[in-house]
C-alpha atoms as a PDB file:
ATOM      1  CA  MET A   1     -30.740 -21.772  12.956  1.00  0.00           C
ATOM      2  CA  SER A   2     -28.025 -19.204  12.338  1.00  0.00           C
ATOM      3  CA  THR A   3     -28.570 -16.367   9.876  1.00  0.00           C
ATOM      4  CA  LEU A   4     -24.821 -15.965   9.392  1.00  0.00           C
ATOM      5  CA  ARG A   5     -23.705 -17.422   6.076  1.00  0.00           C
ATOM      6  CA  CYS A   6     -20.045 -18.130   5.507  1.00  0.00           C
ATOM      7  CA  SER A   7     -18.059 -19.471   2.635  1.00  0.00           C
ATOM      8  CA  PRO A   8     -16.296 -22.772   3.370  1.00  0.00           C
ATOM      9  CA  SER A   9     -12.946 -21.060   3.861  1.00  0.00           C
ATOM     10  CA  SER A  10     -14.327 -18.502   6.335  1.00  0.00           C
ATOM     11  CA  THR A  11     -16.123 -21.305   8.186  1.00  0.00           C
ATOM     12  CA  ASP A  12     -12.812 -23.142   8.436  1.00  0.00           C
ATOM     13  CA  LEU A  13     -11.210 -20.016   9.896  1.00  0.00           C
ATOM     14  CA  LEU A  14     -14.005 -19.592  12.424  1.00  0.00           C
ATOM     15  CA  GLU A  15     -13.553 -23.203  13.517  1.00  0.00           C
ATOM     16  CA  GLY A  16      -9.780 -22.818  13.803  1.00  0.00           C
ATOM     17  CA  ARG A  17      -8.902 -24.669  10.620  1.00  0.00           C
ATOM     18  CA  SER A  18      -7.085 -22.949   7.816  1.00  0.00           C
ATOM     19  CA  SER A  19      -7.882 -23.506   4.176  1.00  0.00           C
ATOM     20  CA  GLY A  20      -4.365 -22.246   3.360  1.00  0.00           C
ATOM     21  CA  ASP A  21      -5.396 -19.238   1.283  1.00  0.00           C
ATOM     22  CA  TRP A  22      -5.666 -16.599   3.992  1.00  0.00           C
ATOM     23  CA  SER A  23      -2.713 -14.195   4.152  1.00  0.00           C
ATOM     24  CA  GLY A  24      -3.642 -12.497   7.427  1.00  0.00           C
ATOM     25  CA  PRO A  25      -5.101  -9.161   8.446  1.00  0.00           C
ATOM     26  CA  GLY A  26      -3.779  -6.008   6.841  1.00  0.00           C
ATOM     27  CA  ARG A  27      -1.882  -7.674   4.037  1.00  0.00           C
ATOM     28  CA  PRO A  28      -3.013  -6.602   0.581  1.00  0.00           C
ATOM     29  CA  LEU A  29      -3.184  -9.263  -2.116  1.00  0.00           C
ATOM     30  CA  CYS A  30      -1.165  -7.024  -4.415  1.00  0.00           C
ATOM     31  CA  GLU A  31       0.742  -3.803  -4.086  1.00  0.00           C
ATOM     32  CA  PRO A  32      -1.288  -0.715  -4.963  1.00  0.00           C
ATOM     33  CA  ASP A  33      -0.162   1.384  -7.870  1.00  0.00           C
ATOM     34  CA  PRO A  34       1.952   4.380  -6.855  1.00  0.00           C
ATOM     35  CA  ARG A  35       0.292   7.739  -6.894  1.00  0.00           C
ATOM     36  CA  PRO A  36       0.355   9.216 -10.390  1.00  0.00           C
ATOM     37  CA  ASP A  37       2.427  12.199  -9.245  1.00  0.00           C
ATOM     38  CA  ASP A  38       5.090  10.133  -7.449  1.00  0.00           C
ATOM     39  CA  GLU A  39       7.381   9.546 -10.428  1.00  0.00           C
ATOM     40  CA  PRO A  40       7.626  13.219 -11.484  1.00  0.00           C
ATOM     41  CA  MET A  41       8.181  14.067  -7.808  1.00  0.00           C
ATOM     42  CA  ARG A  42      10.995  11.511  -7.560  1.00  0.00           C
ATOM     43  CA  ARG A  43      12.643  12.895 -10.726  1.00  0.00           C
ATOM     44  CA  TRP A  44      12.365  16.444  -9.335  1.00  0.00           C
ATOM     45  CA  ALA A  45      13.818  15.330  -5.988  1.00  0.00           C
ATOM     46  CA  ARG A  46      16.825  13.662  -7.617  1.00  0.00           C
ATOM     47  CA  ALA A  47      17.454  16.667  -9.869  1.00  0.00           C
ATOM     48  CA  ASN A  48      17.413  18.894  -6.787  1.00  0.00           C
ATOM     49  CA  GLY A  49      19.817  16.850  -4.669  1.00  0.00           C
ATOM     50  CA  PHE A  50      17.371  14.836  -2.569  1.00  0.00           C
ATOM     51  CA  LEU A  51      17.947  11.134  -1.968  1.00  0.00           C
ATOM     52  CA  VAL A  52      14.750   9.255  -2.756  1.00  0.00           C
ATOM     53  CA  ASN A  53      14.051   5.547  -3.246  1.00  0.00           C
ATOM     54  CA  ASP A  54      12.635   4.135  -6.470  1.00  0.00           C
ATOM     55  CA  ARG A  55       9.777   2.527  -4.568  1.00  0.00           C
ATOM     56  CA  GLY A  56       7.794   3.128  -1.412  1.00  0.00           C
ATOM     57  CA  ARG A  57       6.547   6.227   0.273  1.00  0.00           C
ATOM     58  CA  VAL A  58       8.053   9.564  -0.658  1.00  0.00           C
ATOM     59  CA  PRO A  59       9.029  11.343   2.588  1.00  0.00           C
ATOM     60  CA  ALA A  60       6.851  14.259   3.673  1.00  0.00           C
ATOM     61  CA  SER A  61       9.825  16.625   3.595  1.00  0.00           C
ATOM     62  CA  ILE A  62      10.340  15.883  -0.113  1.00  0.00           C
ATOM     63  CA  ARG A  63       6.606  16.170  -0.832  1.00  0.00           C
ATOM     64  CA  ASP A  64       6.530  19.542   0.919  1.00  0.00           C
ATOM     65  CA  ALA A  65       9.605  20.815  -0.959  1.00  0.00           C
ATOM     66  CA  TYR A  66       8.130  19.633  -4.266  1.00  0.00           C
ATOM     67  CA  GLU A  67       4.776  21.319  -3.570  1.00  0.00           C
ATOM     68  CA  ASN A  68       6.520  24.554  -2.528  1.00  0.00           C
ATOM     69  CA  SER A  69       8.551  24.564  -5.756  1.00  0.00           C
ATOM     70  CA  ARG A  70       5.371  24.266  -7.811  1.00  0.00           C
ATOM     71  CA  ARG A  71       3.805  27.431  -6.350  1.00  0.00           C
END
């Protein structure tokens, strides 16, 4: 007798059948909220001539410049 307990959908995956609700490894179910300091950093970057997207990761060069301006 196996001590491994699986839900029906994980059992299906182990047997090679898909229950249709698995999105794959590494894919979050929802997008995480941006860091709380990203929006002020984006506003600062735009006001200081940097090109920055509305969404996604803020480049390290902009983060560094922002941090240096705050010191």
